Amino acid sequence: MSRKSLGPRPSPLPWLERIASVCLRGPAILASTAIFGTFSLLASLFEEDGKWQHRIAQRWARVLVRASGARLHILHPERLKPQLAVYTCNHLSYMDTPVLFGSLPFQFRIVARHDLWKLPFIGWHLRRSGQVPVNVDNPRASIASLSSAVRTLKAGMPLVIFPEGGRSRDGHLAPFLNGPAFMAIRAQVPIVPMALIGTHELLPIHAGELYPVPVTLAVGEPIPTTGLTMKEVDSLTQQLMEAIANLYYSNSYLARPMEEAEAELEAGLASPSLPL
């Protein structure tokens, strides 16, 4: 089952895969999350910098990826050198976060939807480890969240964020919000494009069963922001979207919808009134 090549997810899944997911993979993921979440909460009582909590999160993430049956490959791992930057990635699945935590070899903080802070264990870890929640439903709260994220960058901590603001429903990229560009320009740090390929087939939105496939994390060249101003937020967002789209579609079986991509790049950027 672990030697599949990446392709469309079967619907329905083969019955052996469904049994393995319900009886083995799912329970292993839930149990691991509970165990590592408990360790993370305990560690938070004895440290302030979050270093041990991050190490626990990395171990949790690697266990989850292994339990899912996915085989992970990192394309251009040398670009994941520790540096103060905004790391950005497309968003396909709940498995994206474990893949990133298990792949990035340095401590960082993740910027994510505030809804995740309501989940047992995961939400507790996010809160206690200093991750940054963003309320995309409230423009005023979004601006306050972005300012908090910029302070985190200026304090010397890299950030990870999903520019689409939510998971893809069909495996294709959605229009990017301009929060990552806003943060990178405000802090004058590079923005690093990354693309996950395969997590949509592994566990798409609203699915409850895992389908083990190869997963790739493709890392692009950092985009510098030194000297850029707030007037260039939208153009930087467009450049970022193009970079991630190239990484994604050049490594996926999916064909890039050129007409849709061109329309998104022309008109699909987030409104400047909501800098997220």
C-alpha atoms as a PDB file:
ATOM      1  CA  MET A   1       0.000   0.000   0.000  1.00  0.00           C
ATOM      2  CA  SER A   2       2.937   2.358   0.585  1.00  0.00           C
ATOM      3  CA  ARG A   3       4.304   1.970  -2.983  1.00  0.00           C
ATOM      4  CA  LYS A   4       1.551   3.846  -4.766  1.00  0.00           C
ATOM      5  CA  SER A   5       2.359   6.571  -7.231  1.00  0.00           C
ATOM      6  CA  LEU A   6       0.614   9.898  -6.885  1.00  0.00           C
ATOM      7  CA  GLY A   7      -2.624  10.128  -8.825  1.00  0.00           C
ATOM      8  CA  PRO A   8      -6.324  10.836  -8.311  1.00  0.00           C
ATOM      9  CA  ARG A   9      -7.753   9.558  -5.047  1.00  0.00           C
ATOM     10  CA  PRO A  10     -10.169   6.633  -5.646  1.00  0.00           C
ATOM     11  CA  SER A  11     -13.796   7.196  -4.711  1.00  0.00           C
ATOM     12  CA  PRO A  12     -14.788   5.157  -2.866  1.00  0.00           C
ATOM     13  CA  LEU A  13     -11.522   3.933  -1.374  1.00  0.00           C
ATOM     14  CA  PRO A  14     -10.691   0.219  -1.676  1.00  0.00           C
ATOM     15  CA  TRP A  15     -12.135  -1.621   1.293  1.00  0.00           C
ATOM     16  CA  LEU A  16      -8.689  -2.713   2.555  1.00  0.00           C
ATOM     17  CA  GLU A  17      -7.608   0.916   2.669  1.00  0.00           C
ATOM     18  CA  ARG A  18     -10.772   1.895   4.509  1.00  0.00           C
ATOM     19  CA  ILE A  19     -10.248  -0.821   7.113  1.00  0.00           C
ATOM     20  CA  ALA A  20      -6.581   0.163   7.566  1.00  0.00           C
ATOM     21  CA  SER A  21      -7.544   3.808   7.982  1.00  0.00           C
ATOM     22  CA  VAL A  22     -10.387   3.235  10.435  1.00  0.00           C
ATOM     23  CA  CYS A  23      -8.751   0.491  12.487  1.00  0.00           C
ATOM     24  CA  LEU A  24      -5.054   1.384  12.370  1.00  0.00           C
ATOM     25  CA  ARG A  25      -4.066   4.761  10.974  1.00  0.00           C
ATOM     26  CA  GLY A  26      -6.845   6.874  12.468  1.00  0.00           C
ATOM     27  CA  PRO A  27      -6.536   5.483  16.018  1.00  0.00           C
ATOM     28  CA  ALA A  28      -2.734   5.792  15.857  1.00  0.00           C
ATOM     29  CA  ILE A  29      -3.011   9.452  14.863  1.00  0.00           C
ATOM     30  CA  LEU A  30      -5.559  10.245  17.579  1.00  0.00           C
ATOM     31  CA  ALA A  31      -3.554   8.442  20.260  1.00  0.00           C
ATOM     32  CA  SER A  32      -0.294  10.103  19.177  1.00  0.00           C
ATOM     33  CA  THR A  33      -1.931  13.530  19.222  1.00  0.00           C
ATOM     34  CA  ALA A  34      -3.245  12.964  22.735  1.00  0.00           C
ATOM     35  CA  ILE A  35       0.088  11.645  24.037  1.00  0.00           C
ATOM     36  CA  PHE A  36       2.328  14.268  22.460  1.00  0.00           C
ATOM     37  CA  GLY A  37      -0.191  17.004  23.263  1.00  0.00           C
ATOM     38  CA  THR A  38       0.011  16.034  26.935  1.00  0.00           C
ATOM     39  CA  PHE A  39       3.828  16.093  26.843  1.00  0.00           C
ATOM     40  CA  SER A  40       3.695  19.512  25.173  1.00  0.00           C
ATOM     41  CA  LEU A  41       1.417  20.906  27.882  1.00  0.00           C
ATOM     42  CA  LEU A  42       3.723  19.570  30.590  1.00  0.00           C
ATOM     43  CA  ALA A  43       6.786  21.048  28.877  1.00  0.00           C
ATOM     44  CA  SER A  44       5.066  24.435  28.700  1.00  0.00           C
ATOM     45  CA  LEU A  45       5.017  24.551  32.507  1.00  0.00           C
ATOM     46  CA  PHE A  46       8.820  24.505  32.692  1.00  0.00           C
ATOM     47  CA  GLU A  47      10.016  26.674  29.781  1.00  0.00           C
ATOM     48  CA  GLU A  48       9.355  30.064  28.261  1.00  0.00           C
ATOM     49  CA  ASP A  49      11.053  29.886  24.850  1.00  0.00           C
ATOM     50  CA  GLY A  50       8.996  26.947  23.507  1.00  0.00           C
ATOM     51  CA  LYS A  51      12.078  24.993  22.425  1.00  0.00           C
ATOM     52  CA  TRP A  52      11.030  21.691  23.987  1.00  0.00           C
ATOM     53  CA  GLN A  53       7.449  22.144  22.863  1.00  0.00           C
ATOM     54  CA  HIS A  54       8.657  22.601  19.312  1.00  0.00           C
ATOM     55  CA  ARG A  55      10.781  19.462  19.509  1.00  0.00           C
ATOM     56  CA  ILE A  56       7.774  17.552  20.812  1.00  0.00           C
ATOM     57  CA  ALA A  57       5.670  18.943  17.946  1.00  0.00           C
ATOM     58  CA  GLN A  58       8.310  17.772  15.456  1.00  0.00           C
ATOM     59  CA  ARG A  59       8.282  14.266  16.929  1.00  0.00           C
ATOM     60  CA  TRP A  60       4.457  14.263  16.901  1.00  0.00           C
ATOM     61  CA  ALA A  61       4.440  15.387  13.269  1.00  0.00           C
ATOM     62  CA  ARG A  62       6.861  12.703  12.114  1.00  0.00           C
ATOM     63  CA  VAL A  63       4.875  10.018  13.920  1.00  0.00           C
ATOM     64  CA  LEU A  64       1.657  11.241  12.249  1.00  0.00           C
ATOM     65  CA  VAL A  65       3.196  11.227   8.779  1.00  0.00           C
ATOM     66  CA  ARG A  66       4.506   7.713   9.354  1.00  0.00           C
ATOM     67  CA  ALA A  67       1.163   6.544  10.754  1.00  0.00           C
ATOM     68  CA  SER A  68      -0.659   7.967   7.722  1.00  0.00           C
ATOM     69  CA  GLY A  69       1.316   5.641   5.448  1.00  0.00           C
ATOM     70  CA  ALA A  70       2.635   8.537   3.348  1.00  0.00           C
ATOM     71  CA  ARG A  71       6.197   8.603   2.007  1.00  0.00           C
ATOM     72  CA  LEU A  72       7.648  12.095   2.335  1.00  0.00           C
ATOM     73  CA  HIS A  73      10.227  13.574  -0.046  1.00  0.00           C
ATOM     74  CA  ILE A  74      11.687  17.078   0.275  1.00  0.00           C
ATOM     75  CA  LEU A  75      12.704  18.767  -2.968  1.00  0.00           C
ATOM     76  CA  HIS A  76      15.596  21.234  -2.482  1.00  0.00           C
ATOM     77  CA  PRO A  77      16.044  20.671   1.278  1.00  0.00           C
ATOM     78  CA  GLU A  78      19.145  22.885   1.180  1.00  0.00           C
ATOM     79  CA  ARG A  79      16.783  25.865   0.873  1.00  0.00           C
ATOM     80  CA  LEU A  80      15.400  25.105   4.329  1.00  0.00           C
ATOM     81  CA  LYS A  81      18.396  26.669   6.017  1.00  0.00           C
ATOM     82  CA  PRO A  82      17.572  28.466   9.280  1.00  0.00           C
ATOM     83  CA  GLN A  83      16.871  32.103   8.502  1.00  0.00           C
ATOM     84  CA  LEU A  84      14.478  34.770   9.655  1.00  0.00           C
ATOM     85  CA  ALA A  85      11.763  34.648   6.996  1.00  0.00           C
ATOM     86  CA  VAL A  86       8.077  34.140   6.275  1.00  0.00           C
ATOM     87  CA  TYR A  87       7.680  30.564   4.995  1.00  0.00           C
ATOM     88  CA  THR A  88       4.558  30.174   2.856  1.00  0.00           C
ATOM     89  CA  CYS A  89       2.853  27.066   1.511  1.00  0.00           C
ATOM     90  CA  ASN A  90      -0.308  26.018  -0.304  1.00  0.00           C
ATOM     91  CA  HIS A  91      -2.981  24.402   1.869  1.00  0.00           C
ATOM     92  CA  LEU A  92      -4.557  21.099   0.877  1.00  0.00           C
ATOM     93  CA  SER A  93      -5.225  19.058   4.010  1.00  0.00           C
ATOM     94  CA  TYR A  94      -5.132  18.777   7.779  1.00  0.00           C
ATOM     95  CA  MET A  95      -1.963  16.751   7.163  1.00  0.00           C
ATOM     96  CA  ASP A  96      -0.147  19.840   5.844  1.00  0.00           C
ATOM     97  CA  THR A  97       0.742  21.065   9.331  1.00  0.00           C
ATOM     98  CA  PRO A  98       2.308  17.750  10.468  1.00  0.00           C
ATOM     99  CA  VAL A  99       4.280  17.530   7.223  1.00  0.00           C
ATOM    100  CA  LEU A 100       5.671  21.045   7.717  1.00  0.00           C
ATOM    101  CA  PHE A 101       6.445  20.557  11.414  1.00  0.00           C
ATOM    102  CA  GLY A 102       8.214  17.314  10.567  1.00  0.00           C
ATOM    103  CA  SER A 103      10.166  18.799   7.650  1.00  0.00           C
ATOM    104  CA  LEU A 104      11.409  22.237   8.700  1.00  0.00           C
ATOM    105  CA  PRO A 105      14.648  21.716  10.672  1.00  0.00           C
ATOM    106  CA  PHE A 106      14.384  24.809  12.849  1.00  0.00           C
ATOM    107  CA  GLN A 107      12.078  26.403  15.378  1.00  0.00           C
ATOM    108  CA  PHE A 108       9.282  28.581  14.010  1.00  0.00           C
ATOM    109  CA  ARG A 109       5.797  29.817  14.831  1.00  0.00           C
ATOM    110  CA  ILE A 110       2.801  29.014  12.679  1.00  0.00           C
ATOM    111  CA  VAL A 111       0.144  31.566  11.708  1.00  0.00           C
ATOM    112  CA  ALA A 112      -3.192  29.757  11.361  1.00  0.00           C
ATOM    113  CA  ARG A 113      -6.935  30.218  11.501  1.00  0.00           C
ATOM    114  CA  HIS A 114      -8.197  30.929  15.011  1.00  0.00           C
ATOM    115  CA  ASP A 115     -10.633  27.984  14.729  1.00  0.00           C
ATOM    116  CA  LEU A 116      -7.764  25.539  15.353  1.00  0.00           C
ATOM    117  CA  TRP A 117      -7.272  26.977  18.845  1.00  0.00           C
ATOM    118  CA  LYS A 118     -10.649  25.432  19.784  1.00  0.00           C
ATOM    119  CA  LEU A 119      -9.504  21.843  19.112  1.00  0.00           C
ATOM    120  CA  PRO A 120      -8.518  19.593  22.051  1.00  0.00           C
ATOM    121  CA  PHE A 121      -4.759  19.031  22.471  1.00  0.00           C
ATOM    122  CA  ILE A 122      -3.894  20.731  19.151  1.00  0.00           C
ATOM    123  CA  GLY A 123      -5.459  24.003  20.265  1.00  0.00           C
ATOM    124  CA  TRP A 124      -3.912  23.719  23.701  1.00  0.00           C
ATOM    125  CA  HIS A 125      -0.459  23.197  22.186  1.00  0.00           C
ATOM    126  CA  LEU A 126      -0.927  26.113  19.785  1.00  0.00           C
ATOM    127  CA  ARG A 127      -1.905  28.427  22.626  1.00  0.00           C
ATOM    128  CA  ARG A 128       0.796  27.362  25.075  1.00  0.00           C
ATOM    129  CA  SER A 129       3.596  27.305  22.492  1.00  0.00           C
ATOM    130  CA  GLY A 130       3.067  30.849  21.266  1.00  0.00           C
ATOM    131  CA  GLN A 131       1.649  30.215  17.790  1.00  0.00           C
ATOM    132  CA  VAL A 132      -0.214  33.107  16.142  1.00  0.00           C
ATOM    133  CA  PRO A 133      -4.005  32.876  15.555  1.00  0.00           C
ATOM    134  CA  VAL A 134      -5.642  34.881  12.762  1.00  0.00           C
ATOM    135  CA  ASN A 135      -9.358  35.623  12.604  1.00  0.00           C
ATOM    136  CA  VAL A 136     -10.084  35.807   8.859  1.00  0.00           C
ATOM    137  CA  ASP A 137     -13.769  36.547   9.532  1.00  0.00           C
ATOM    138  CA  ASN A 138     -13.086  39.836  11.328  1.00  0.00           C
ATOM    139  CA  PRO A 139     -11.006  42.463   9.466  1.00  0.00           C
ATOM    140  CA  ARG A 140     -10.166  44.425  12.612  1.00  0.00           C
ATOM    141  CA  ALA A 141      -9.046  41.262  14.430  1.00  0.00           C
ATOM    142  CA  SER A 142      -7.061  40.237  11.352  1.00  0.00           C
ATOM    143  CA  ILE A 143      -5.067  43.460  11.381  1.00  0.00           C
ATOM    144  CA  ALA A 144      -4.305  43.018  15.093  1.00  0.00           C
ATOM    145  CA  SER A 145      -3.208  39.427  14.437  1.00  0.00           C
ATOM    146  CA  LEU A 146      -0.908  40.476  11.626  1.00  0.00           C
ATOM    147  CA  SER A 147       0.676  43.101  13.847  1.00  0.00           C
ATOM    148  CA  SER A 148       1.295  40.398  16.447  1.00  0.00           C
ATOM    149  CA  ALA A 149       2.893  38.211  13.774  1.00  0.00           C
ATOM    150  CA  VAL A 150       5.179  41.077  12.699  1.00  0.00           C
ATOM    151  CA  ARG A 151       6.295  41.485  16.325  1.00  0.00           C
ATOM    152  CA  THR A 152       7.125  37.771  16.393  1.00  0.00           C
ATOM    153  CA  LEU A 153       9.283  38.200  13.279  1.00  0.00           C
ATOM    154  CA  LYS A 154      11.047  41.244  14.702  1.00  0.00           C
ATOM    155  CA  ALA A 155      11.775  39.238  17.857  1.00  0.00           C
ATOM    156  CA  GLY A 156      13.753  36.813  15.677  1.00  0.00           C
ATOM    157  CA  MET A 157      11.304  33.946  15.146  1.00  0.00           C
ATOM    158  CA  PRO A 158      10.498  32.657  11.605  1.00  0.00           C
ATOM    159  CA  LEU A 159       6.833  32.256  10.669  1.00  0.00           C
ATOM    160  CA  VAL A 160       4.932  29.675   8.611  1.00  0.00           C
ATOM    161  CA  ILE A 161       1.612  30.623   6.993  1.00  0.00           C
ATOM    162  CA  PHE A 162      -0.846  29.330   4.378  1.00  0.00           C
ATOM    163  CA  PRO A 163      -1.601  32.274   2.026  1.00  0.00           C
ATOM    164  CA  GLU A 164      -4.884  30.762   0.778  1.00  0.00           C
ATOM    165  CA  GLY A 165      -6.453  31.115   4.208  1.00  0.00           C
ATOM    166  CA  GLY A 166      -8.061  27.662   4.081  1.00  0.00           C
ATOM    167  CA  ARG A 167      -7.813  24.198   2.570  1.00  0.00           C
ATOM    168  CA  SER A 168      -8.327  23.588  -1.134  1.00  0.00           C
ATOM    169  CA  ARG A 169     -11.518  21.757  -2.086  1.00  0.00           C
ATOM    170  CA  ASP A 170     -10.317  20.377  -5.428  1.00  0.00           C
ATOM    171  CA  GLY A 171      -6.531  20.159  -5.117  1.00  0.00           C
ATOM    172  CA  HIS A 172      -5.925  23.369  -7.077  1.00  0.00           C
ATOM    173  CA  LEU A 173      -4.583  26.630  -5.708  1.00  0.00           C
ATOM    174  CA  ALA A 174      -7.060  29.248  -4.508  1.00  0.00           C
ATOM    175  CA  PRO A 175      -6.435  33.022  -4.665  1.00  0.00           C
ATOM    176  CA  PHE A 176      -3.868  34.202  -2.135  1.00  0.00           C
ATOM    177  CA  LEU A 177      -4.568  36.595   0.701  1.00  0.00           C
ATOM    178  CA  ASN A 178      -1.961  39.293   1.117  1.00  0.00           C
ATOM    179  CA  GLY A 179      -1.138  38.757   4.802  1.00  0.00           C
ATOM    180  CA  PRO A 180       2.213  36.990   4.193  1.00  0.00           C
ATOM    181  CA  ALA A 181       3.443  39.793   1.927  1.00  0.00           C
ATOM    182  CA  PHE A 182       2.220  42.370   4.455  1.00  0.00           C
ATOM    183  CA  MET A 183       4.181  40.687   7.261  1.00  0.00           C
ATOM    184  CA  ALA A 184       7.350  40.138   5.220  1.00  0.00           C
ATOM    185  CA  ILE A 185       7.482  43.744   4.014  1.00  0.00           C
ATOM    186  CA  ARG A 186       6.718  45.183   7.453  1.00  0.00           C
ATOM    187  CA  ALA A 187       9.517  43.097   8.988  1.00  0.00           C
ATOM    188  CA  GLN A 188      11.805  43.440   5.910  1.00  0.00           C
ATOM    189  CA  VAL A 189      12.503  39.698   5.815  1.00  0.00           C
ATOM    190  CA  PRO A 190      12.503  37.277   2.849  1.00  0.00           C
ATOM    191  CA  ILE A 191       9.409  35.300   1.929  1.00  0.00           C
ATOM    192  CA  VAL A 192      10.040  31.633   1.070  1.00  0.00           C
ATOM    193  CA  PRO A 193       7.602  29.865  -1.305  1.00  0.00           C
ATOM    194  CA  MET A 194       6.912  26.176  -0.691  1.00  0.00           C
ATOM    195  CA  ALA A 195       4.453  23.712  -2.226  1.00  0.00           C
ATOM    196  CA  LEU A 196       2.974  20.541  -0.817  1.00  0.00           C
ATOM    197  CA  ILE A 197       2.027  17.895  -3.358  1.00  0.00           C
ATOM    198  CA  GLY A 198       0.022  14.804  -2.363  1.00  0.00           C
ATOM    199  CA  THR A 199      -1.620  15.784   0.913  1.00  0.00           C
ATOM    200  CA  HIS A 200      -4.923  16.475  -0.879  1.00  0.00           C
ATOM    201  CA  GLU A 201      -4.969  12.860  -2.074  1.00  0.00           C
ATOM    202  CA  LEU A 202      -3.817  11.662   1.360  1.00  0.00           C
ATOM    203  CA  LEU A 203      -6.608  13.412   3.284  1.00  0.00           C
ATOM    204  CA  PRO A 204      -8.757  15.927   1.381  1.00  0.00           C
ATOM    205  CA  ILE A 205     -11.069  18.403   3.058  1.00  0.00           C
ATOM    206  CA  HIS A 206     -14.102  16.783   4.749  1.00  0.00           C
ATOM    207  CA  ALA A 207     -12.632  13.273   4.305  1.00  0.00           C
ATOM    208  CA  GLY A 208     -12.303  10.961   7.288  1.00  0.00           C
ATOM    209  CA  GLU A 209     -10.155   8.227   5.762  1.00  0.00           C
ATOM    210  CA  LEU A 210      -6.485   8.321   4.822  1.00  0.00           C
ATOM    211  CA  TYR A 211      -5.191   7.105   1.472  1.00  0.00           C
ATOM    212  CA  PRO A 212      -1.385   6.676   1.664  1.00  0.00           C
ATOM    213  CA  VAL A 213       0.407   8.249  -1.292  1.00  0.00           C
ATOM    214  CA  PRO A 214       3.828   9.849  -1.866  1.00  0.00           C
ATOM    215  CA  VAL A 215       3.961  13.400  -0.488  1.00  0.00           C
ATOM    216  CA  THR A 216       6.442  16.004  -1.708  1.00  0.00           C
ATOM    217  CA  LEU A 217       7.454  19.292  -0.113  1.00  0.00           C
ATOM    218  CA  ALA A 218       9.011  21.461  -2.848  1.00  0.00           C
ATOM    219  CA  VAL A 219      10.992  24.457  -1.563  1.00  0.00           C
ATOM    220  CA  GLY A 220      11.558  27.517  -3.749  1.00  0.00           C
ATOM    221  CA  GLU A 221      14.129  30.272  -3.705  1.00  0.00           C
ATOM    222  CA  PRO A 222      13.573  33.013  -1.100  1.00  0.00           C
ATOM    223  CA  ILE A 223      12.028  36.223  -2.424  1.00  0.00           C
ATOM    224  CA  PRO A 224      13.771  39.280  -0.889  1.00  0.00           C
ATOM    225  CA  THR A 225      11.698  42.161   0.446  1.00  0.00           C
ATOM    226  CA  THR A 226      14.443  44.597   1.430  1.00  0.00           C
ATOM    227  CA  GLY A 227      13.432  48.070   0.322  1.00  0.00           C
ATOM    228  CA  LEU A 228       9.846  47.129  -0.566  1.00  0.00           C
ATOM    229  CA  THR A 229       7.000  49.262   0.789  1.00  0.00           C
ATOM    230  CA  MET A 230       3.344  48.654   1.593  1.00  0.00           C
ATOM    231  CA  LYS A 231       2.460  49.880  -1.904  1.00  0.00           C
ATOM    232  CA  GLU A 232       4.025  46.662  -3.244  1.00  0.00           C
ATOM    233  CA  VAL A 233       2.052  44.197  -1.093  1.00  0.00           C
ATOM    234  CA  ASP A 234      -0.191  43.132  -3.973  1.00  0.00           C
ATOM    235  CA  SER A 235       2.629  42.723  -6.488  1.00  0.00           C
ATOM    236  CA  LEU A 236       4.616  40.644  -3.977  1.00  0.00           C
ATOM    237  CA  THR A 237       1.516  38.502  -3.350  1.00  0.00           C
ATOM    238  CA  GLN A 238       1.201  37.923  -7.083  1.00  0.00           C
ATOM    239  CA  GLN A 239       4.885  36.995  -7.345  1.00  0.00           C
ATOM    240  CA  LEU A 240       4.494  34.596  -4.423  1.00  0.00           C
ATOM    241  CA  MET A 241       1.408  32.948  -5.925  1.00  0.00           C
ATOM    242  CA  GLU A 242       3.185  32.427  -9.236  1.00  0.00           C
ATOM    243  CA  ALA A 243       6.215  30.890  -7.484  1.00  0.00           C
ATOM    244  CA  ILE A 244       4.109  28.426  -5.469  1.00  0.00           C
ATOM    245  CA  ALA A 245       1.962  27.579  -8.511  1.00  0.00           C
ATOM    246  CA  ASN A 246       5.110  26.735 -10.500  1.00  0.00           C
ATOM    247  CA  LEU A 247       6.431  24.532  -7.684  1.00  0.00           C
ATOM    248  CA  TYR A 248       3.083  22.786  -7.284  1.00  0.00           C
ATOM    249  CA  TYR A 249       2.051  22.096 -10.860  1.00  0.00           C
ATOM    250  CA  SER A 250       5.543  21.161 -12.051  1.00  0.00           C
ATOM    251  CA  ASN A 251       5.603  18.340  -9.476  1.00  0.00           C
ATOM    252  CA  SER A 252       1.941  17.241  -9.559  1.00  0.00           C
ATOM    253  CA  TYR A 253      -0.043  15.005 -11.898  1.00  0.00           C
ATOM    254  CA  LEU A 254      -2.615  17.831 -12.048  1.00  0.00           C
ATOM    255  CA  ALA A 255      -2.503  20.096 -15.062  1.00  0.00           C
ATOM    256  CA  ARG A 256      -2.420  23.775 -14.237  1.00  0.00           C
ATOM    257  CA  PRO A 257      -5.711  25.426 -15.252  1.00  0.00           C
ATOM    258  CA  MET A 258      -4.083  28.192 -17.258  1.00  0.00           C
ATOM    259  CA  GLU A 259      -7.173  30.279 -17.913  1.00  0.00           C
ATOM    260  CA  GLU A 260      -8.179  30.171 -14.246  1.00  0.00           C
ATOM    261  CA  ALA A 261      -4.610  30.862 -13.129  1.00  0.00           C
ATOM    262  CA  GLU A 262      -4.347  33.907 -15.343  1.00  0.00           C
ATOM    263  CA  ALA A 263      -7.693  35.215 -14.097  1.00  0.00           C
ATOM    264  CA  GLU A 264      -6.656  34.683 -10.482  1.00  0.00           C
ATOM    265  CA  LEU A 265      -3.357  36.449 -10.969  1.00  0.00           C
ATOM    266  CA  GLU A 266      -5.135  39.403 -12.567  1.00  0.00           C
ATOM    267  CA  ALA A 267      -8.129  39.710 -10.267  1.00  0.00           C
ATOM    268  CA  GLY A 268      -7.875  37.155  -7.471  1.00  0.00           C
ATOM    269  CA  LEU A 269      -5.617  38.921  -4.993  1.00  0.00           C
ATOM    270  CA  ALA A 270      -6.988  39.754  -1.579  1.00  0.00           C
ATOM    271  CA  SER A 271      -8.594  43.138  -1.143  1.00  0.00           C
ATOM    272  CA  PRO A 272      -6.212  45.721   0.355  1.00  0.00           C
ATOM    273  CA  SER A 273      -8.934  46.431   2.932  1.00  0.00           C
ATOM    274  CA  LEU A 274      -8.213  43.043   4.501  1.00  0.00           C
ATOM    275  CA  PRO A 275      -4.430  42.691   4.820  1.00  0.00           C
ATOM    276  CA  LEU A 276      -4.385  38.958   5.511  1.00  0.00           C
END
